[in-house]
Amino acid sequence: MSISTSERPVARAAARLSSSANGRWRACLVLLAVGLLCGTLAGCDAGQQAETLHETPDTPGVDGAVGSMVLDDVFLETAGTVPAGGSVALRAAFTDQSLQPDRLVAVTTPAATSVELLAPGGTVAPGGIEVPADRQADATTGSVLIRLTGLTRALSPQAVVPITFEFARAGRGTLDDVPVARPARGQG
């Protein structure tokens, strides 16, 4: 088939339109593919099947500081309600950010008549609990190092109590909202 001279410009224009439309079509496909890929990747980040859906915090405690001493994950550990007169473990991690060792010498709270500072073996530590310089004394798990005795009222999980910590060097400070909480999974 031959194209007459008068039809050639029309054929050239149609070919140009066709290649221009193909270019736009390709650009649209690329944009659509990029959009779908971004949506798919965003969907991997969260949702009902996200790994974080099943994570629980290490401990249910609160954090604070007394001078150069950092108090982490402070909570009273109990699986259920502890009656007035009973005792409960206080869990915490103490990090000394100074270059000199320190010592936890006293803990007080209106929630108990006394507080025992204990050695890892469970005996009373009359000198208190040592916190090495630029290191941590971790009592969030393992041996109980602090025990509130003679509770002044029943304590159940979800309650909060004020607790004051006194260190030989760092000084004294109070956490007003220390929670009473169940042991972390696999603990207690």
C-alpha atoms as a PDB file:
ATOM      1  CA  MET A   1       0.000   0.000   0.000  1.00  0.00           C
ATOM      2  CA  SER A   2       1.339   3.375  -0.875  1.00  0.00           C
ATOM      3  CA  ILE A   3       0.648   6.608   0.896  1.00  0.00           C
ATOM      4  CA  SER A   4       0.073   9.650  -1.161  1.00  0.00           C
ATOM      5  CA  THR A   5       2.016  12.800  -0.507  1.00  0.00           C
ATOM      6  CA  SER A   6      -0.990  14.488   1.013  1.00  0.00           C
ATOM      7  CA  GLU A   7      -1.456  11.643   3.536  1.00  0.00           C
ATOM      8  CA  ARG A   8       2.196  11.526   4.721  1.00  0.00           C
ATOM      9  CA  PRO A   9       1.991  14.442   7.230  1.00  0.00           C
ATOM     10  CA  VAL A  10      -1.064  12.820   8.779  1.00  0.00           C
ATOM     11  CA  ALA A  11       0.768   9.494   9.130  1.00  0.00           C
ATOM     12  CA  ARG A  12       3.800  11.236  10.667  1.00  0.00           C
ATOM     13  CA  ALA A  13       1.574  13.087  13.159  1.00  0.00           C
ATOM     14  CA  ALA A  14      -0.220   9.845  14.067  1.00  0.00           C
ATOM     15  CA  ALA A  15       3.147   8.117  14.634  1.00  0.00           C
ATOM     16  CA  ARG A  16       4.296  11.010  16.847  1.00  0.00           C
ATOM     17  CA  LEU A  17       1.052  10.864  18.833  1.00  0.00           C
ATOM     18  CA  SER A  18       1.407   7.123  19.167  1.00  0.00           C
ATOM     19  CA  SER A  19       4.991   7.323  20.537  1.00  0.00           C
ATOM     20  CA  SER A  20       4.039  10.257  22.807  1.00  0.00           C
ATOM     21  CA  ALA A  21       1.080   8.272  24.187  1.00  0.00           C
ATOM     22  CA  ASN A  22       3.342   5.226  24.681  1.00  0.00           C
ATOM     23  CA  GLY A  23       5.801   7.395  26.649  1.00  0.00           C
ATOM     24  CA  ARG A  24       3.054   8.748  28.873  1.00  0.00           C
ATOM     25  CA  TRP A  25       1.639   5.263  29.318  1.00  0.00           C
ATOM     26  CA  ARG A  26       5.062   3.962  30.365  1.00  0.00           C
ATOM     27  CA  ALA A  27       5.486   6.865  32.802  1.00  0.00           C
ATOM     28  CA  CYS A  28       2.088   6.098  34.318  1.00  0.00           C
ATOM     29  CA  LEU A  29       3.002   2.426  34.697  1.00  0.00           C
ATOM     30  CA  VAL A  30       6.295   3.320  36.383  1.00  0.00           C
ATOM     31  CA  LEU A  31       4.519   5.678  38.791  1.00  0.00           C
ATOM     32  CA  LEU A  32       1.888   3.051  39.537  1.00  0.00           C
ATOM     33  CA  ALA A  33       4.579   0.424  40.208  1.00  0.00           C
ATOM     34  CA  VAL A  34       6.462   2.808  42.524  1.00  0.00           C
ATOM     35  CA  GLY A  35       3.238   3.633  44.372  1.00  0.00           C
ATOM     36  CA  LEU A  36       2.378  -0.040  44.826  1.00  0.00           C
ATOM     37  CA  LEU A  37       5.903  -0.831  46.011  1.00  0.00           C
ATOM     38  CA  CYS A  38       5.826   2.007  48.567  1.00  0.00           C
ATOM     39  CA  GLY A  39       2.414   0.885  49.789  1.00  0.00           C
ATOM     40  CA  THR A  40       3.616  -2.693  50.137  1.00  0.00           C
ATOM     41  CA  LEU A  41       6.730  -1.646  52.058  1.00  0.00           C
ATOM     42  CA  ALA A  42       4.697   0.619  54.333  1.00  0.00           C
ATOM     43  CA  GLY A  43       2.351  -2.282  55.018  1.00  0.00           C
ATOM     44  CA  CYS A  44       5.325  -4.369  56.160  1.00  0.00           C
ATOM     45  CA  ASP A  45       6.119  -1.747  58.782  1.00  0.00           C
ATOM     46  CA  ALA A  46       2.996  -2.103  60.914  1.00  0.00           C
ATOM     47  CA  GLY A  47      -0.344  -3.748  61.240  1.00  0.00           C
ATOM     48  CA  GLN A  48      -1.990  -6.727  62.867  1.00  0.00           C
ATOM     49  CA  GLN A  49       0.932  -9.026  62.072  1.00  0.00           C
ATOM     50  CA  ALA A  50       3.718  -6.644  63.135  1.00  0.00           C
ATOM     51  CA  GLU A  51       6.336  -8.141  65.460  1.00  0.00           C
ATOM     52  CA  THR A  52       5.822  -5.292  67.923  1.00  0.00           C
ATOM     53  CA  LEU A  53       2.198  -6.368  68.355  1.00  0.00           C
ATOM     54  CA  HIS A  54       3.356  -9.166  70.675  1.00  0.00           C
ATOM     55  CA  GLU A  55       6.198  -7.363  72.490  1.00  0.00           C
ATOM     56  CA  THR A  56       5.893  -6.415  76.133  1.00  0.00           C
ATOM     57  CA  PRO A  57       8.169  -4.056  78.010  1.00  0.00           C
ATOM     58  CA  ASP A  58      11.021  -5.683  79.943  1.00  0.00           C
ATOM     59  CA  THR A  59       9.697  -4.367  83.238  1.00  0.00           C
ATOM     60  CA  PRO A  60       6.700  -2.264  84.230  1.00  0.00           C
ATOM     61  CA  GLY A  61       8.684   0.234  86.322  1.00  0.00           C
ATOM     62  CA  VAL A  62       9.319   3.958  86.350  1.00  0.00           C
ATOM     63  CA  ASP A  63      12.584   5.830  85.890  1.00  0.00           C
ATOM     64  CA  GLY A  64      14.190   8.711  87.733  1.00  0.00           C
ATOM     65  CA  ALA A  65      17.477  10.114  88.990  1.00  0.00           C
ATOM     66  CA  VAL A  66      19.120  11.150  92.241  1.00  0.00           C
ATOM     67  CA  GLY A  67      22.218  13.250  91.582  1.00  0.00           C
ATOM     68  CA  SER A  68      24.571  11.169  89.429  1.00  0.00           C
ATOM     69  CA  MET A  69      22.544   8.006  90.123  1.00  0.00           C
ATOM     70  CA  VAL A  70      20.028   6.841  87.483  1.00  0.00           C
ATOM     71  CA  LEU A  71      17.099   4.734  88.715  1.00  0.00           C
ATOM     72  CA  ASP A  72      15.585   2.501  86.025  1.00  0.00           C
ATOM     73  CA  ASP A  73      12.587   0.194  85.976  1.00  0.00           C
ATOM     74  CA  VAL A  74      11.617   0.775  89.626  1.00  0.00           C
ATOM     75  CA  PHE A  75       8.547  -1.248  90.672  1.00  0.00           C
ATOM     76  CA  LEU A  76       7.119  -3.346  93.496  1.00  0.00           C
ATOM     77  CA  GLU A  77       6.849  -6.958  92.343  1.00  0.00           C
ATOM     78  CA  THR A  78       3.840  -9.101  93.198  1.00  0.00           C
ATOM     79  CA  ALA A  79       1.672 -11.561  91.306  1.00  0.00           C
ATOM     80  CA  GLY A  80      -1.406 -10.604  93.345  1.00  0.00           C
ATOM     81  CA  THR A  81      -2.655  -8.493  96.214  1.00  0.00           C
ATOM     82  CA  VAL A  82      -0.354  -8.429  99.250  1.00  0.00           C
ATOM     83  CA  PRO A  83      -2.252  -7.862 102.540  1.00  0.00           C
ATOM     84  CA  ALA A  84      -1.408  -5.169 105.077  1.00  0.00           C
ATOM     85  CA  GLY A  85       1.465  -6.393 107.262  1.00  0.00           C
ATOM     86  CA  GLY A  86       2.959  -8.433 104.375  1.00  0.00           C
ATOM     87  CA  SER A  87       6.149  -7.833 102.419  1.00  0.00           C
ATOM     88  CA  VAL A  88       6.932  -7.168  98.779  1.00  0.00           C
ATOM     89  CA  ALA A  89      10.124  -7.012  96.682  1.00  0.00           C
ATOM     90  CA  LEU A  90      11.221  -3.696  95.240  1.00  0.00           C
ATOM     91  CA  ARG A  91      12.857  -4.154  91.838  1.00  0.00           C
ATOM     92  CA  ALA A  92      15.141  -1.585  90.213  1.00  0.00           C
ATOM     93  CA  ALA A  93      18.400  -0.972  88.379  1.00  0.00           C
ATOM     94  CA  PHE A  94      20.767   1.664  89.786  1.00  0.00           C
ATOM     95  CA  THR A  95      23.404   3.152  87.476  1.00  0.00           C
ATOM     96  CA  ASP A  96      26.177   5.286  88.957  1.00  0.00           C
ATOM     97  CA  GLN A  97      27.227   7.808  86.316  1.00  0.00           C
ATOM     98  CA  SER A  98      30.058   9.195  88.461  1.00  0.00           C
ATOM     99  CA  LEU A  99      33.686   8.108  88.654  1.00  0.00           C
ATOM    100  CA  GLN A 100      33.355   7.170  92.343  1.00  0.00           C
ATOM    101  CA  PRO A 101      31.427   4.181  93.726  1.00  0.00           C
ATOM    102  CA  ASP A 102      28.264   4.933  95.670  1.00  0.00           C
ATOM    103  CA  ARG A 103      26.042   3.027  98.055  1.00  0.00           C
ATOM    104  CA  LEU A 104      22.279   2.861  98.521  1.00  0.00           C
ATOM    105  CA  VAL A 105      22.030   3.387 102.276  1.00  0.00           C
ATOM    106  CA  ALA A 106      18.289   3.775 102.880  1.00  0.00           C
ATOM    107  CA  VAL A 107      14.889   3.360 101.251  1.00  0.00           C
ATOM    108  CA  THR A 108      11.698   4.687 102.847  1.00  0.00           C
ATOM    109  CA  THR A 109       8.025   4.750 101.932  1.00  0.00           C
ATOM    110  CA  PRO A 110       4.741   5.438 103.718  1.00  0.00           C
ATOM    111  CA  ALA A 111       3.542   2.102 102.260  1.00  0.00           C
ATOM    112  CA  ALA A 112       5.700   0.046 104.685  1.00  0.00           C
ATOM    113  CA  THR A 113       6.922   0.225 108.274  1.00  0.00           C
ATOM    114  CA  SER A 114      10.451  -0.788 107.210  1.00  0.00           C
ATOM    115  CA  VAL A 115      12.594  -1.547 104.186  1.00  0.00           C
ATOM    116  CA  GLU A 116      15.347  -4.175 104.135  1.00  0.00           C
ATOM    117  CA  LEU A 117      18.471  -3.769 101.997  1.00  0.00           C
ATOM    118  CA  LEU A 118      19.727  -7.268 101.231  1.00  0.00           C
ATOM    119  CA  ALA A 119      22.876  -8.988  99.995  1.00  0.00           C
ATOM    120  CA  PRO A 120      22.487 -11.310  96.964  1.00  0.00           C
ATOM    121  CA  GLY A 121      22.203 -14.286  99.349  1.00  0.00           C
ATOM    122  CA  GLY A 122      19.148 -12.770 101.041  1.00  0.00           C
ATOM    123  CA  THR A 123      20.817 -11.680 104.293  1.00  0.00           C
ATOM    124  CA  VAL A 124      20.484  -8.107 105.538  1.00  0.00           C
ATOM    125  CA  ALA A 125      23.223  -5.845 104.165  1.00  0.00           C
ATOM    126  CA  PRO A 126      23.860  -3.416 107.043  1.00  0.00           C
ATOM    127  CA  GLY A 127      26.167  -1.233 104.922  1.00  0.00           C
ATOM    128  CA  GLY A 128      23.634  -0.940 102.117  1.00  0.00           C
ATOM    129  CA  ILE A 129      23.872  -1.889  98.458  1.00  0.00           C
ATOM    130  CA  GLU A 130      27.064  -0.985  96.618  1.00  0.00           C
ATOM    131  CA  VAL A 131      26.830   0.577  93.149  1.00  0.00           C
ATOM    132  CA  PRO A 132      30.230   0.528  91.398  1.00  0.00           C
ATOM    133  CA  ALA A 133      31.567   3.702  89.757  1.00  0.00           C
ATOM    134  CA  ASP A 134      30.316   4.129  86.181  1.00  0.00           C
ATOM    135  CA  ARG A 135      28.482   0.784  86.426  1.00  0.00           C
ATOM    136  CA  GLN A 136      25.105  -0.668  87.372  1.00  0.00           C
ATOM    137  CA  ALA A 137      23.620  -2.671  90.235  1.00  0.00           C
ATOM    138  CA  ASP A 138      20.718  -4.510  88.598  1.00  0.00           C
ATOM    139  CA  ALA A 139      18.004  -5.825  90.892  1.00  0.00           C
ATOM    140  CA  THR A 140      15.199  -5.928  88.315  1.00  0.00           C
ATOM    141  CA  THR A 141      15.496  -9.719  88.172  1.00  0.00           C
ATOM    142  CA  GLY A 142      17.349 -12.381  90.116  1.00  0.00           C
ATOM    143  CA  SER A 143      18.012 -12.007  93.838  1.00  0.00           C
ATOM    144  CA  VAL A 144      15.790  -9.614  95.751  1.00  0.00           C
ATOM    145  CA  LEU A 145      17.981  -6.790  97.065  1.00  0.00           C
ATOM    146  CA  ILE A 146      15.268  -4.545  98.528  1.00  0.00           C
ATOM    147  CA  ARG A 147      12.176  -5.685 100.413  1.00  0.00           C
ATOM    148  CA  LEU A 148       9.385  -3.589 101.895  1.00  0.00           C
ATOM    149  CA  THR A 149       8.091  -5.204 105.102  1.00  0.00           C
ATOM    150  CA  GLY A 150       5.142  -4.446 107.338  1.00  0.00           C
ATOM    151  CA  LEU A 151       2.956  -3.014 104.585  1.00  0.00           C
ATOM    152  CA  THR A 152       0.703  -0.293 106.003  1.00  0.00           C
ATOM    153  CA  ARG A 153      -2.132  -1.227 103.619  1.00  0.00           C
ATOM    154  CA  ALA A 154      -2.928  -3.939 101.108  1.00  0.00           C
ATOM    155  CA  LEU A 155      -1.111  -3.498  97.790  1.00  0.00           C
ATOM    156  CA  SER A 156      -2.472  -4.886  94.557  1.00  0.00           C
ATOM    157  CA  PRO A 157      -1.117  -4.728  91.007  1.00  0.00           C
ATOM    158  CA  GLN A 158      -1.829  -1.349  89.385  1.00  0.00           C
ATOM    159  CA  ALA A 159      -1.424   0.618  92.669  1.00  0.00           C
ATOM    160  CA  VAL A 160       1.309   3.281  92.907  1.00  0.00           C
ATOM    161  CA  VAL A 161       3.286   4.396  95.963  1.00  0.00           C
ATOM    162  CA  PRO A 162       5.953   7.024  96.688  1.00  0.00           C
ATOM    163  CA  ILE A 163       9.419   5.682  97.515  1.00  0.00           C
ATOM    164  CA  THR A 164      12.465   7.665  98.667  1.00  0.00           C
ATOM    165  CA  PHE A 165      16.012   6.484  97.904  1.00  0.00           C
ATOM    166  CA  GLU A 166      19.071   7.728  99.780  1.00  0.00           C
ATOM    167  CA  PHE A 167      22.592   7.262  98.443  1.00  0.00           C
ATOM    168  CA  ALA A 168      25.811   7.985 100.361  1.00  0.00           C
ATOM    169  CA  ARG A 169      27.191  10.307  97.629  1.00  0.00           C
ATOM    170  CA  ALA A 170      24.358  11.063  95.185  1.00  0.00           C
ATOM    171  CA  GLY A 171      21.936  12.200  97.888  1.00  0.00           C
ATOM    172  CA  ARG A 172      18.256  11.644  98.407  1.00  0.00           C
ATOM    173  CA  GLY A 173      15.312  11.636  96.009  1.00  0.00           C
ATOM    174  CA  THR A 174      11.722  10.416  95.781  1.00  0.00           C
ATOM    175  CA  LEU A 175       9.842   8.690  92.986  1.00  0.00           C
ATOM    176  CA  ASP A 176       6.169   9.557  93.592  1.00  0.00           C
ATOM    177  CA  ASP A 177       4.560   6.951  91.338  1.00  0.00           C
ATOM    178  CA  VAL A 178       6.301   3.591  91.770  1.00  0.00           C
ATOM    179  CA  PRO A 179       3.892   0.968  90.426  1.00  0.00           C
ATOM    180  CA  VAL A 180       2.942  -2.327  92.011  1.00  0.00           C
ATOM    181  CA  ALA A 181       3.195  -4.813  89.127  1.00  0.00           C
ATOM    182  CA  ARG A 182       3.228  -8.466  88.219  1.00  0.00           C
ATOM    183  CA  PRO A 183       6.593 -10.114  87.507  1.00  0.00           C
ATOM    184  CA  ALA A 184       7.676 -10.045  83.870  1.00  0.00           C
ATOM    185  CA  ARG A 185       6.950 -13.244  81.911  1.00  0.00           C
ATOM    186  CA  GLY A 186       9.338 -16.002  82.901  1.00  0.00           C
ATOM    187  CA  GLN A 187      10.146 -14.236  86.190  1.00  0.00           C
ATOM    188  CA  GLY A 188       9.084 -14.773  89.785  1.00  0.00           C
END
